[in-house]
Structure formats: structure tokens, C-alpha cells
Amino acid sequence: MTLLFLAPLLWIAAALPWVGLHCTLGLRHRGAALAAGLVFTVWFTWFLITWLGMPDSYPAPFCPGNVPPWWPSFIPT
């Protein structure tokens, strides 16, 4: 529910880097601007889902340390 109420602010926060990249890097290197924008969008989406989408009361008895056993070690929790 929090993500629903924050959606307009999150959209602005995600759109501003794209505008900045288009106005700076995109004028000369469109491929680099697109790649940087996609990397930022993936990182921003991961951050929001893990920060706002995961409750603190995740069932620890099923997942010790609130990390599932199948979770890859190279992805931070």
C-alpha cells in the first residue's frame, strides 16, 4: 500500500535521471545514455522493492536470518 501512495513521487524520482542523461550524455552518446538509464532504473527498482516491499516481520522460522536458503550470496539482502 505504501508503494501505491508513493507512486507519483517515485515516478518523478525515476524520471529525473532519464531527463538529466538525455540532456547531457544523450546528445552525443545515445547508447551510453540508454545503458546508464537502464542500469539506474534496475538499481532503483531493486532498491524500492527491497526497502519498501519487504516487511520487517518476514517469517524468520521459515527463513533463518530472514534470508531464504536459495537466495544467491552475491545479491545483498
N, C-alpha and C. Protein backbone atom coordinates (compact mmCIF):
# COMPACT_ATOMS: atom_id res chain seq x y z
N MET A 1 0.82 -1.19 0.00
CA MET A 1 0.00 0.00 0.00
C MET A 1 0.87 1.26 0.00
N THR A 2 2.02 1.17 0.65
CA THR A 2 2.91 2.33 0.70
C THR A 2 3.38 2.69 -0.70
N LEU A 3 3.69 1.67 -1.51
CA LEU A 3 4.14 1.94 -2.87
C LEU A 3 3.07 2.64 -3.70
N LEU A 4 1.80 2.32 -3.45
CA LEU A 4 0.71 2.94 -4.18
C LEU A 4 0.64 4.43 -3.88
N PHE A 5 0.78 4.80 -2.62
CA PHE A 5 0.70 6.22 -2.26
C PHE A 5 1.96 6.98 -2.68
N LEU A 6 3.08 6.31 -2.76
CA LEU A 6 4.32 6.97 -3.14
C LEU A 6 4.58 6.93 -4.65
N ALA A 7 3.70 6.32 -5.41
CA ALA A 7 3.93 6.13 -6.84
C ALA A 7 4.23 7.43 -7.59
N PRO A 8 3.48 8.52 -7.38
CA PRO A 8 3.83 9.75 -8.12
C PRO A 8 5.22 10.27 -7.78
N LEU A 9 5.60 10.23 -6.52
CA LEU A 9 6.93 10.70 -6.14
C LEU A 9 8.02 9.77 -6.69
N LEU A 10 7.74 8.47 -6.69
CA LEU A 10 8.71 7.51 -7.22
C LEU A 10 8.87 7.68 -8.73
N TRP A 11 7.78 7.99 -9.41
CA TRP A 11 7.85 8.20 -10.85
C TRP A 11 8.73 9.40 -11.16
N ILE A 12 8.56 10.48 -10.42
CA ILE A 12 9.39 11.68 -10.61
C ILE A 12 10.85 11.36 -10.30
N ALA A 13 11.09 10.64 -9.21
CA ALA A 13 12.46 10.29 -8.84
C ALA A 13 13.12 9.40 -9.89
N ALA A 14 12.36 8.58 -10.56
CA ALA A 14 12.92 7.72 -11.60
C ALA A 14 13.05 8.45 -12.93
N ALA A 15 12.21 9.45 -13.19
CA ALA A 15 12.23 10.16 -14.47
C ALA A 15 13.33 11.23 -14.52
N LEU A 16 13.65 11.83 -13.41
CA LEU A 16 14.65 12.89 -13.41
C LEU A 16 16.02 12.44 -13.92
N PRO A 17 16.53 11.28 -13.52
CA PRO A 17 17.81 10.83 -14.09
C PRO A 17 17.75 10.62 -15.60
N TRP A 18 16.62 10.15 -16.12
CA TRP A 18 16.49 9.97 -17.56
C TRP A 18 16.56 11.31 -18.28
N VAL A 19 15.90 12.32 -17.72
CA VAL A 19 15.94 13.66 -18.32
C VAL A 19 17.37 14.20 -18.26
N GLY A 20 18.03 14.04 -17.12
CA GLY A 20 19.41 14.51 -16.99
C GLY A 20 20.35 13.80 -17.95
N LEU A 21 20.18 12.50 -18.10
CA LEU A 21 21.03 11.76 -19.03
C LEU A 21 20.77 12.17 -20.47
N HIS A 22 19.52 12.42 -20.81
CA HIS A 22 19.20 12.84 -22.17
C HIS A 22 19.79 14.21 -22.47
N CYS A 23 19.74 15.12 -21.52
CA CYS A 23 20.24 16.48 -21.74
C CYS A 23 21.76 16.56 -21.73
N THR A 24 22.43 15.62 -21.10
CA THR A 24 23.89 15.67 -21.03
C THR A 24 24.53 14.65 -21.95
N LEU A 25 24.45 13.41 -21.58
CA LEU A 25 25.13 12.34 -22.32
C LEU A 25 24.39 11.96 -23.60
N GLY A 26 23.09 12.09 -23.59
CA GLY A 26 22.29 11.64 -24.72
C GLY A 26 22.47 12.43 -25.99
N LEU A 27 22.98 13.65 -25.88
CA LEU A 27 23.16 14.47 -27.08
C LEU A 27 24.28 13.95 -27.96
N ARG A 28 25.27 13.30 -27.37
CA ARG A 28 26.40 12.81 -28.15
C ARG A 28 26.48 11.28 -28.18
N HIS A 29 26.17 10.64 -27.09
CA HIS A 29 26.31 9.19 -26.97
C HIS A 29 24.98 8.59 -26.52
N ARG A 30 24.09 8.38 -27.46
CA ARG A 30 22.75 7.89 -27.10
C ARG A 30 22.78 6.50 -26.49
N GLY A 31 23.66 5.64 -26.98
CA GLY A 31 23.75 4.27 -26.45
C GLY A 31 24.22 4.27 -25.01
N ALA A 32 25.19 5.11 -24.69
CA ALA A 32 25.70 5.19 -23.32
C ALA A 32 24.64 5.76 -22.39
N ALA A 33 23.89 6.75 -22.87
CA ALA A 33 22.83 7.33 -22.04
C ALA A 33 21.74 6.29 -21.78
N LEU A 34 21.39 5.52 -22.79
CA LEU A 34 20.38 4.47 -22.62
C LEU A 34 20.86 3.40 -21.65
N ALA A 35 22.10 2.98 -21.79
CA ALA A 35 22.65 1.96 -20.88
C ALA A 35 22.69 2.47 -19.44
N ALA A 36 23.15 3.70 -19.25
CA ALA A 36 23.20 4.27 -17.89
C ALA A 36 21.80 4.41 -17.31
N GLY A 37 20.84 4.81 -18.12
CA GLY A 37 19.47 4.93 -17.65
C GLY A 37 18.87 3.59 -17.26
N LEU A 38 19.15 2.56 -18.05
CA LEU A 38 18.64 1.23 -17.72
C LEU A 38 19.28 0.68 -16.45
N VAL A 39 20.58 0.90 -16.28
CA VAL A 39 21.26 0.45 -15.06
C VAL A 39 20.66 1.16 -13.85
N PHE A 40 20.44 2.46 -13.95
CA PHE A 40 19.85 3.20 -12.83
C PHE A 40 18.44 2.69 -12.54
N THR A 41 17.64 2.46 -13.57
CA THR A 41 16.27 2.02 -13.37
C THR A 41 16.22 0.65 -12.69
N VAL A 42 17.08 -0.27 -13.11
CA VAL A 42 17.13 -1.59 -12.48
C VAL A 42 17.55 -1.46 -11.02
N TRP A 43 18.58 -0.66 -10.75
CA TRP A 43 19.02 -0.46 -9.37
C TRP A 43 17.92 0.19 -8.54
N PHE A 44 17.28 1.21 -9.05
CA PHE A 44 16.24 1.94 -8.32
C PHE A 44 15.05 1.02 -8.02
N THR A 45 14.66 0.21 -8.99
CA THR A 45 13.56 -0.73 -8.78
C THR A 45 13.91 -1.75 -7.71
N TRP A 46 15.12 -2.32 -7.79
CA TRP A 46 15.56 -3.28 -6.76
C TRP A 46 15.57 -2.63 -5.38
N PHE A 47 16.07 -1.42 -5.29
CA PHE A 47 16.12 -0.71 -4.02
C PHE A 47 14.73 -0.50 -3.44
N LEU A 48 13.80 -0.05 -4.25
CA LEU A 48 12.45 0.22 -3.75
C LEU A 48 11.74 -1.06 -3.32
N ILE A 49 11.91 -2.12 -4.09
CA ILE A 49 11.23 -3.36 -3.73
C ILE A 49 11.79 -3.93 -2.44
N THR A 50 13.11 -3.88 -2.28
CA THR A 50 13.69 -4.44 -1.06
C THR A 50 13.49 -3.53 0.14
N TRP A 51 13.45 -2.23 -0.07
CA TRP A 51 13.32 -1.29 1.06
C TRP A 51 11.86 -1.12 1.49
N LEU A 52 10.96 -0.92 0.53
CA LEU A 52 9.57 -0.67 0.86
C LEU A 52 8.70 -1.92 0.78
N GLY A 53 9.08 -2.89 -0.02
CA GLY A 53 8.22 -4.03 -0.26
C GLY A 53 8.41 -5.20 0.69
N MET A 54 9.47 -5.22 1.46
CA MET A 54 9.74 -6.34 2.35
C MET A 54 9.44 -5.94 3.80
N PRO A 55 8.45 -6.55 4.41
CA PRO A 55 8.15 -6.21 5.80
C PRO A 55 9.23 -6.72 6.74
N ASP A 56 9.40 -6.02 7.84
CA ASP A 56 10.39 -6.43 8.85
C ASP A 56 9.97 -7.70 9.57
N SER A 57 8.70 -8.01 9.51
CA SER A 57 8.21 -9.19 10.21
C SER A 57 8.20 -10.42 9.30
N TYR A 58 9.13 -10.49 8.36
CA TYR A 58 9.23 -11.66 7.49
C TYR A 58 9.42 -12.89 8.35
N PRO A 59 8.73 -13.99 8.06
CA PRO A 59 8.76 -15.14 8.98
C PRO A 59 10.14 -15.77 9.13
N ALA A 60 10.83 -15.43 10.20
CA ALA A 60 12.17 -15.94 10.47
C ALA A 60 12.23 -17.45 10.70
N PRO A 61 11.21 -18.10 11.31
CA PRO A 61 11.33 -19.55 11.49
C PRO A 61 11.45 -20.31 10.16
N PHE A 62 10.84 -19.78 9.12
CA PHE A 62 10.95 -20.43 7.82
C PHE A 62 12.25 -20.09 7.12
N CYS A 63 12.76 -18.89 7.37
CA CYS A 63 14.00 -18.42 6.75
C CYS A 63 14.90 -17.83 7.83
N PRO A 64 15.84 -18.59 8.36
CA PRO A 64 16.72 -18.05 9.40
C PRO A 64 17.46 -16.82 8.91
N GLY A 65 17.45 -15.79 9.72
CA GLY A 65 18.10 -14.54 9.35
C GLY A 65 17.33 -13.77 8.29
N ASN A 66 16.05 -14.16 8.05
CA ASN A 66 15.20 -13.55 7.03
C ASN A 66 15.79 -13.64 5.63
N VAL A 67 16.60 -14.64 5.38
CA VAL A 67 17.17 -14.88 4.05
C VAL A 67 16.83 -16.30 3.65
N PRO A 68 16.11 -16.48 2.53
CA PRO A 68 15.77 -17.84 2.11
C PRO A 68 17.02 -18.64 1.76
N PRO A 69 17.00 -19.94 1.94
CA PRO A 69 18.18 -20.77 1.67
C PRO A 69 18.60 -20.74 0.19
N TRP A 70 17.69 -20.47 -0.71
CA TRP A 70 18.01 -20.46 -2.13
C TRP A 70 18.56 -19.12 -2.60
N TRP A 71 18.57 -18.09 -1.75
CA TRP A 71 19.00 -16.75 -2.15
C TRP A 71 20.49 -16.74 -2.48
N PRO A 72 20.89 -16.21 -3.66
CA PRO A 72 22.31 -16.19 -4.02
C PRO A 72 23.11 -15.26 -3.11
N SER A 73 24.32 -15.66 -2.77
CA SER A 73 25.13 -14.89 -1.82
C SER A 73 25.67 -13.59 -2.42
N PHE A 74 25.73 -13.48 -3.75
CA PHE A 74 26.28 -12.27 -4.35
C PHE A 74 25.25 -11.12 -4.41
N ILE A 75 23.97 -11.40 -4.12
CA ILE A 75 22.96 -10.36 -4.09
C ILE A 75 22.73 -9.95 -2.64
N PRO A 76 22.94 -8.67 -2.29
CA PRO A 76 22.77 -8.26 -0.91
C PRO A 76 21.32 -8.35 -0.45
N THR A 77 21.15 -8.57 0.83
CA THR A 77 19.80 -8.67 1.39
C THR A 77 19.50 -7.48 2.25
